[in-house]
Protein backbone atom coordinates (compact mmCIF):
# COMPACT_ATOMS: atom_id res chain seq x y z
CA MET A 1 70.06 -64.72 -19.38
CA TYR A 2 66.95 -66.89 -18.49
CA HIS A 3 65.46 -69.49 -20.47
CA HIS A 4 62.09 -71.30 -19.57
CA ILE A 5 61.74 -74.85 -20.45
CA LYS A 6 58.08 -76.23 -20.22
CA LYS A 7 59.07 -78.98 -17.85
CA LEU A 8 59.12 -79.07 -14.13
CA MET A 9 62.17 -79.86 -12.21
CA TYR A 10 60.23 -82.34 -10.15
CA THR A 11 56.93 -83.87 -11.70
CA VAL A 12 54.02 -83.12 -9.41
CA ARG A 13 50.92 -85.21 -8.98
CA VAL A 14 47.78 -84.32 -6.67
CA ASP A 15 45.35 -87.12 -6.34
CA THR A 16 43.01 -85.32 -3.96
CA PRO A 17 42.77 -81.52 -4.28
CA ASP A 18 42.63 -79.64 -0.93
CA PRO A 19 41.93 -75.78 -1.19
CA ARG A 20 42.97 -75.38 2.56
CA PHE A 21 46.16 -77.03 2.01
CA GLY A 22 46.64 -74.95 -1.24
CA ASN A 23 46.41 -71.88 0.94
CA MET A 24 49.14 -73.37 3.36
CA LEU A 25 51.33 -73.97 0.33
CA LEU A 26 51.37 -70.14 -0.52
CA GLU A 27 53.67 -69.76 2.52
CA GLN A 28 56.51 -71.35 0.27
CA PHE A 29 55.35 -69.35 -2.79
CA GLY A 30 55.10 -65.76 -1.43
CA GLY A 31 56.07 -66.05 2.15
CA ALA A 32 59.22 -64.67 4.17
CA ASN A 33 60.84 -68.14 3.76
CA GLY A 34 59.54 -69.10 0.38
CA GLU A 35 61.15 -69.73 -2.92
CA LEU A 36 60.58 -66.24 -4.40
CA ALA A 37 62.41 -64.71 -1.47
CA ALA A 38 65.17 -67.11 -1.73
CA ALA A 39 65.54 -66.76 -5.56
CA MET A 40 65.63 -62.98 -5.33
CA GLN A 41 67.99 -62.97 -2.39
CA TYR A 42 70.68 -65.28 -3.81
CA SER A 43 70.44 -63.78 -7.27
CA VAL A 44 70.93 -60.21 -6.05
CA GLN A 45 73.71 -61.28 -3.83
CA GLY A 46 75.29 -62.96 -6.86
CA LEU A 47 74.93 -59.62 -8.84
CA ASN A 48 76.69 -57.71 -6.19
CA CYS A 49 79.39 -60.51 -5.61
CA ASP A 50 82.92 -59.60 -6.57
CA ASP A 51 84.15 -63.17 -6.07
CA ALA A 52 83.75 -64.92 -9.31
CA GLU A 53 83.56 -68.52 -7.97
CA ARG A 54 81.12 -67.91 -5.25
CA LYS A 55 79.10 -65.55 -7.74
CA ASP A 56 78.54 -68.49 -9.76
CA MET A 57 77.32 -70.61 -6.92
CA LEU A 58 74.92 -67.87 -5.75
CA MET A 59 73.40 -67.56 -9.20
CA ASP A 60 73.20 -71.31 -9.71
CA ILE A 61 71.21 -71.72 -6.49
CA GLY A 62 69.12 -68.48 -7.03
CA THR A 63 68.26 -69.91 -10.53
CA GLU A 64 67.23 -73.32 -9.09
CA GLU A 65 65.08 -71.56 -6.45
CA LEU A 66 62.96 -70.13 -9.43
CA SER A 67 62.40 -73.83 -10.56
CA HIS A 68 61.35 -74.55 -7.10
CA LEU A 69 58.79 -71.60 -7.17
CA GLU A 70 57.48 -73.08 -10.26
CA ILE A 71 56.83 -76.48 -8.48
CA VAL A 72 55.32 -74.95 -5.51
CA GLY A 73 53.20 -72.72 -7.67
CA THR A 74 51.99 -75.74 -9.71
CA LEU A 75 51.21 -77.70 -6.34
CA ALA A 76 49.26 -74.84 -5.07
CA ARG A 77 47.24 -74.12 -8.14
CA MET A 78 46.32 -77.82 -8.38
CA HIS A 79 45.17 -77.73 -4.85
CA LEU A 80 43.30 -74.43 -5.22
CA LYS A 81 41.54 -75.31 -8.43
CA PRO A 82 38.19 -76.13 -6.73
CA MET A 83 37.82 -72.48 -5.69
CA LYS A 84 37.21 -71.64 -9.17
CA THR A 85 33.80 -73.26 -9.17
CA ALA A 86 32.64 -74.58 -5.75
CA ARG A 87 31.33 -72.31 -3.15
CA LYS A 88 32.29 -74.48 -0.35
CA ALA A 89 35.85 -74.71 -1.56
CA ALA A 90 35.94 -70.93 -2.03
CA GLU A 91 34.98 -70.26 1.51
CA ALA A 92 38.29 -71.85 2.52
CA ASP A 93 40.05 -68.50 1.39
CA PRO A 94 37.60 -65.81 -0.07
CA LEU A 95 40.78 -63.61 -0.89
CA ILE A 96 42.17 -66.18 -3.32
CA ALA A 97 38.78 -67.27 -4.82
CA ILE A 98 37.32 -63.85 -5.34
CA ALA A 99 40.28 -61.64 -5.96
CA GLY A 100 42.53 -64.08 -7.43
CA GLY A 101 40.07 -66.32 -9.26
CA GLY A 102 41.27 -69.43 -7.45
CA GLY A 103 44.81 -69.22 -8.53
CA VAL A 104 48.15 -68.56 -6.80
CA ALA A 105 49.18 -65.07 -5.87
CA LEU A 106 52.38 -63.43 -4.44
CA CYS A 107 51.16 -63.57 -0.99
CA ASN A 108 51.85 -65.84 2.05
CA SER A 109 49.30 -68.24 3.64
CA MET A 110 47.80 -65.28 5.57
CA GLY A 111 47.01 -63.16 2.50
CA ASP A 112 49.96 -60.78 3.05
CA ALA A 113 51.56 -59.32 0.08
CA TRP A 114 55.32 -60.50 -0.82
CA THR A 115 57.64 -57.80 0.02
CA ALA A 116 61.47 -57.28 -0.78
CA ASP A 117 61.76 -56.55 3.01
CA TYR A 118 62.00 -60.20 3.24
CA LEU A 119 65.51 -60.19 1.63
CA LYS A 120 68.76 -60.08 3.45
CA ILE A 121 71.50 -58.54 1.36
CA THR A 122 74.32 -56.81 2.89
CA GLY A 123 77.18 -56.84 0.15
CA GLU A 124 79.60 -58.63 2.61
CA LEU A 125 79.79 -62.04 1.30
CA ASP A 126 80.49 -63.92 4.48
CA VAL A 127 77.71 -62.26 6.16
CA ASP A 128 75.20 -62.99 3.23
CA LEU A 129 76.30 -66.61 3.06
CA ARG A 130 75.35 -66.93 6.95
CA SER A 131 71.93 -65.40 6.02
CA ASN A 132 71.42 -67.96 3.29
CA ILE A 133 72.38 -70.93 5.55
CA ALA A 134 69.63 -69.63 7.99
CA ALA A 135 67.20 -68.94 5.17
CA GLU A 136 67.61 -72.68 3.96
CA ALA A 137 67.15 -73.92 7.56
CA ARG A 138 63.98 -71.92 8.03
CA ALA A 139 62.59 -73.25 4.53
CA LYS A 140 63.41 -76.71 5.60
CA ILE A 141 61.36 -76.60 8.71
CA VAL A 142 58.40 -75.02 6.72
CA TYR A 143 58.53 -77.77 4.20
CA GLU A 144 58.70 -80.38 7.04
CA ARG A 145 55.50 -78.74 8.62
CA LEU A 146 53.95 -78.88 5.30
CA ILE A 147 54.53 -82.52 4.81
CA ASN A 148 53.29 -83.27 8.34
CA PHE A 149 49.89 -81.37 7.55
CA CYS A 150 49.51 -83.12 4.13
CA ASP A 151 47.32 -86.11 3.28
CA ASP A 152 48.05 -86.24 -0.45
CA PRO A 153 50.91 -88.89 -1.41
CA GLY A 154 51.90 -87.23 -4.59
CA THR A 155 51.98 -83.80 -2.99
CA LYS A 156 54.11 -85.26 -0.17
CA ASP A 157 56.58 -86.55 -2.76
CA ALA A 158 57.11 -83.20 -4.28
CA LEU A 159 57.51 -81.48 -0.94
CA GLN A 160 60.08 -84.18 0.10
CA PHE A 161 62.06 -83.21 -2.87
CA LEU A 162 61.93 -79.51 -2.20
CA MET A 163 62.94 -80.05 1.60
CA THR A 164 65.87 -82.16 0.68
CA ARG A 165 67.25 -79.51 -1.71
CA GLU A 166 67.21 -77.04 1.10
CA ILE A 167 69.77 -79.28 2.87
CA THR A 168 71.84 -79.39 -0.43
CA HIS A 169 71.92 -75.65 -0.38
CA MET A 170 72.85 -75.30 3.17
CA LYS A 171 75.78 -77.67 2.48
CA ALA A 172 76.76 -75.60 -0.47
CA PHE A 173 76.63 -72.23 1.25
CA THR A 174 78.47 -73.72 4.36
CA ALA A 175 81.21 -74.93 2.41
CA ALA A 176 81.44 -71.79 0.49
CA LEU A 177 81.63 -69.80 3.90
CA GLU A 178 84.23 -72.11 5.34
CA SER A 179 86.64 -72.10 2.19
CA MET A 180 86.97 -68.47 2.57
CA GLY A 181 89.14 -69.14 5.63
CA LYS A 182 87.86 -66.38 7.88
CA ASP A 183 87.68 -66.63 11.67
CA ARG A 184 83.99 -67.46 12.49
CA PHE A 185 83.79 -64.10 14.44
CA ALA A 186 85.79 -61.96 12.20
CA ILE A 187 82.91 -59.87 10.72
CA GLY A 188 83.78 -56.86 8.56
CA LYS A 189 87.06 -54.97 9.03
CA ILE A 190 86.74 -53.21 12.22
CA PRO A 191 87.66 -55.46 15.20
CA PRO A 192 85.70 -55.56 18.41
CA THR A 193 86.67 -54.03 21.74
CA PRO A 194 88.96 -56.61 23.39
CA GLU A 195 87.91 -55.97 26.93
CA LEU A 196 84.15 -56.22 26.10
CA VAL A 197 83.90 -58.88 23.44
CA ASP A 198 84.39 -61.72 25.89
CA GLN A 199 82.14 -60.54 28.74
CA TYR A 200 78.88 -62.29 29.19
CA PHE A 201 76.29 -60.41 31.08
CA ASN A 202 73.78 -62.35 33.34
CA ASP A 203 70.77 -60.02 32.38
CA SER A 204 68.13 -62.56 33.12
CA THR A 205 68.49 -63.43 36.95
CA GLY A 206 66.65 -65.17 39.63
CA ALA A 207 64.23 -68.29 39.57
CA ASN A 208 60.54 -68.69 38.96
CA ASP A 209 57.86 -71.16 39.79
CA GLU A 210 58.50 -73.06 36.53
CA GLY A 211 62.06 -74.13 37.52
CA ASP A 212 63.74 -71.54 35.24
CA ALA A 213 67.12 -70.34 36.83
CA ASP A 214 70.40 -68.88 36.00
CA ALA A 215 72.33 -71.54 33.89
CA ARG A 216 75.85 -71.92 32.85
CA GLY A 217 77.23 -73.66 29.73
CA PRO A 218 79.76 -73.18 26.87
CA TRP A 219 78.10 -69.83 25.95
CA ASN A 220 78.88 -68.16 29.07
CA GLU A 221 81.88 -70.13 30.72
CA GLY A 222 85.14 -71.58 29.78
CA GLY A 223 87.55 -70.36 27.26
CA ASP A 224 87.81 -66.60 27.10
CA TRP A 225 84.48 -65.90 28.66
CA GLU A 226 84.32 -63.48 31.62
CA TYR A 227 80.96 -63.95 33.54
CA GLY A 228 79.53 -60.93 34.95
CA GLN A 229 76.47 -59.60 36.72
CA ALA A 230 73.73 -57.55 34.68
CA PRO A 231 74.85 -54.12 33.67
CA ALA A 232 71.95 -52.66 35.93
CA PHE A 233 73.91 -53.67 38.89
CA GLN A 234 77.42 -52.73 37.73
CA ASP A 235 79.20 -49.35 38.02
CA LEU A 236 80.72 -47.75 34.80
CA LYS A 237 84.34 -48.59 34.40
CA SER A 238 84.74 -45.67 32.04
CA GLU A 239 82.29 -42.72 31.92
CA LYS A 240 83.82 -41.88 28.50
CA ARG A 241 83.60 -45.44 26.88
CA GLY A 242 80.61 -46.88 28.68
CA THR A 243 82.35 -50.06 29.42
CA ARG A 244 81.34 -51.74 32.74
CA THR A 245 83.22 -53.77 35.35
CA THR A 246 82.14 -57.14 36.63
CA ASP A 247 82.48 -56.04 40.19
CA SER A 248 79.02 -54.66 41.34
CA LEU A 249 78.59 -51.77 43.83
CA THR A 250 75.28 -53.54 44.73
CA THR A 251 75.76 -57.31 44.63
CA LEU A 252 73.19 -59.26 42.66
CA ALA A 253 72.14 -61.34 45.92
CA ASP A 254 71.38 -57.95 47.69
CA ALA A 255 69.36 -56.84 44.55
CA ILE A 256 67.39 -59.79 44.41
CA GLY A 257 66.98 -59.97 48.14
CA GLU A 258 65.09 -56.60 47.93
CA ALA A 259 62.90 -57.81 45.18
CA ASN A 260 62.14 -61.21 46.81
CA PRO A 261 62.75 -61.28 50.68
CA VAL A 262 61.59 -64.83 51.16
CA LYS A 263 63.86 -66.57 48.54
CA SER A 264 66.78 -64.42 49.80
CA GLY A 265 66.49 -65.66 53.29
CA ARG A 266 65.16 -62.54 54.78
CA SER A 267 62.24 -63.40 57.13
CA PRO A 268 58.72 -62.32 56.23
CA ALA A 269 58.43 -60.52 59.41
CA GLY A 270 61.58 -58.58 58.57
CA ALA A 271 60.22 -57.78 55.15
CA ALA A 272 56.99 -56.71 56.54
CA LYS A 273 58.70 -54.38 59.23
CA HIS A 274 60.77 -52.83 56.35
CA ASP A 275 57.53 -52.22 54.54
CA GLU A 276 55.77 -50.72 57.55
CA THR A 277 58.74 -48.28 57.79
CA LYS A 278 58.62 -47.31 54.29
CA HIS A 279 54.77 -46.66 54.81
CA ALA A 280 55.23 -44.54 57.88
CA LYS A 281 57.89 -42.46 56.21
CA GLY A 282 55.67 -41.84 53.20
CA LYS A 283 52.77 -41.10 55.48
CA LYS A 284 54.97 -38.38 57.40
CA GLU A 285 56.07 -36.75 54.13
CA ASN A 286 52.40 -36.59 53.05
């Protein structure tokens, strides 16, 4: 059961209210990466969890997120308070000032209503823990940006506390995931197709004027990786299964050469002649 104590988890102080900043704070109140979304996500995951130990952790952190929601809501209300009486302050966000009376609402900084679509709940504990780690990372970045845009020392102190707790929760979720002893890529129960899972497709090819080019690294070379050309340039290895070979009927170099004759080494004159032939053929057919 829940029990509310009339004391904030972290005491907040606002010396200089800023209605525009109060609007920004709503991102962590009713936004996609906000405290309400986190509280609901972890709590519902906990209700669904058959692992008693990790269920306890999910309920602990989900409940703490409700305390964070109270802190953010109090901060936002204190910053938005001038909207109740001052026309100039109300102009910062008429929706909050007129429809909400200058108080907090379950919406993000753009006025979009909170939605359960924000929640990532699969019923697979390890998958949900991965989602939670990512959620805490996103929330940490949002708090960091809020701190950078804030001029009020008391508000910064509270935001620093909230930002730090995101890392605390990341550590807890990561430890819970690692202690399950599962292989990092053992998701669910059905294994991936062996001949396909280690194929890396070079689907973004060529170079541009900004210096972007094909890159190699531990994400596509070494270990079990098999580096292959884009499926668009490959023949089907099995019509039934849809898997593709790494040997192309049309090499990637030839394909790029057709698209960009200058960079492929084909002379501009040769390219022009090729274009003239195509034009003459089209004219004859017409």
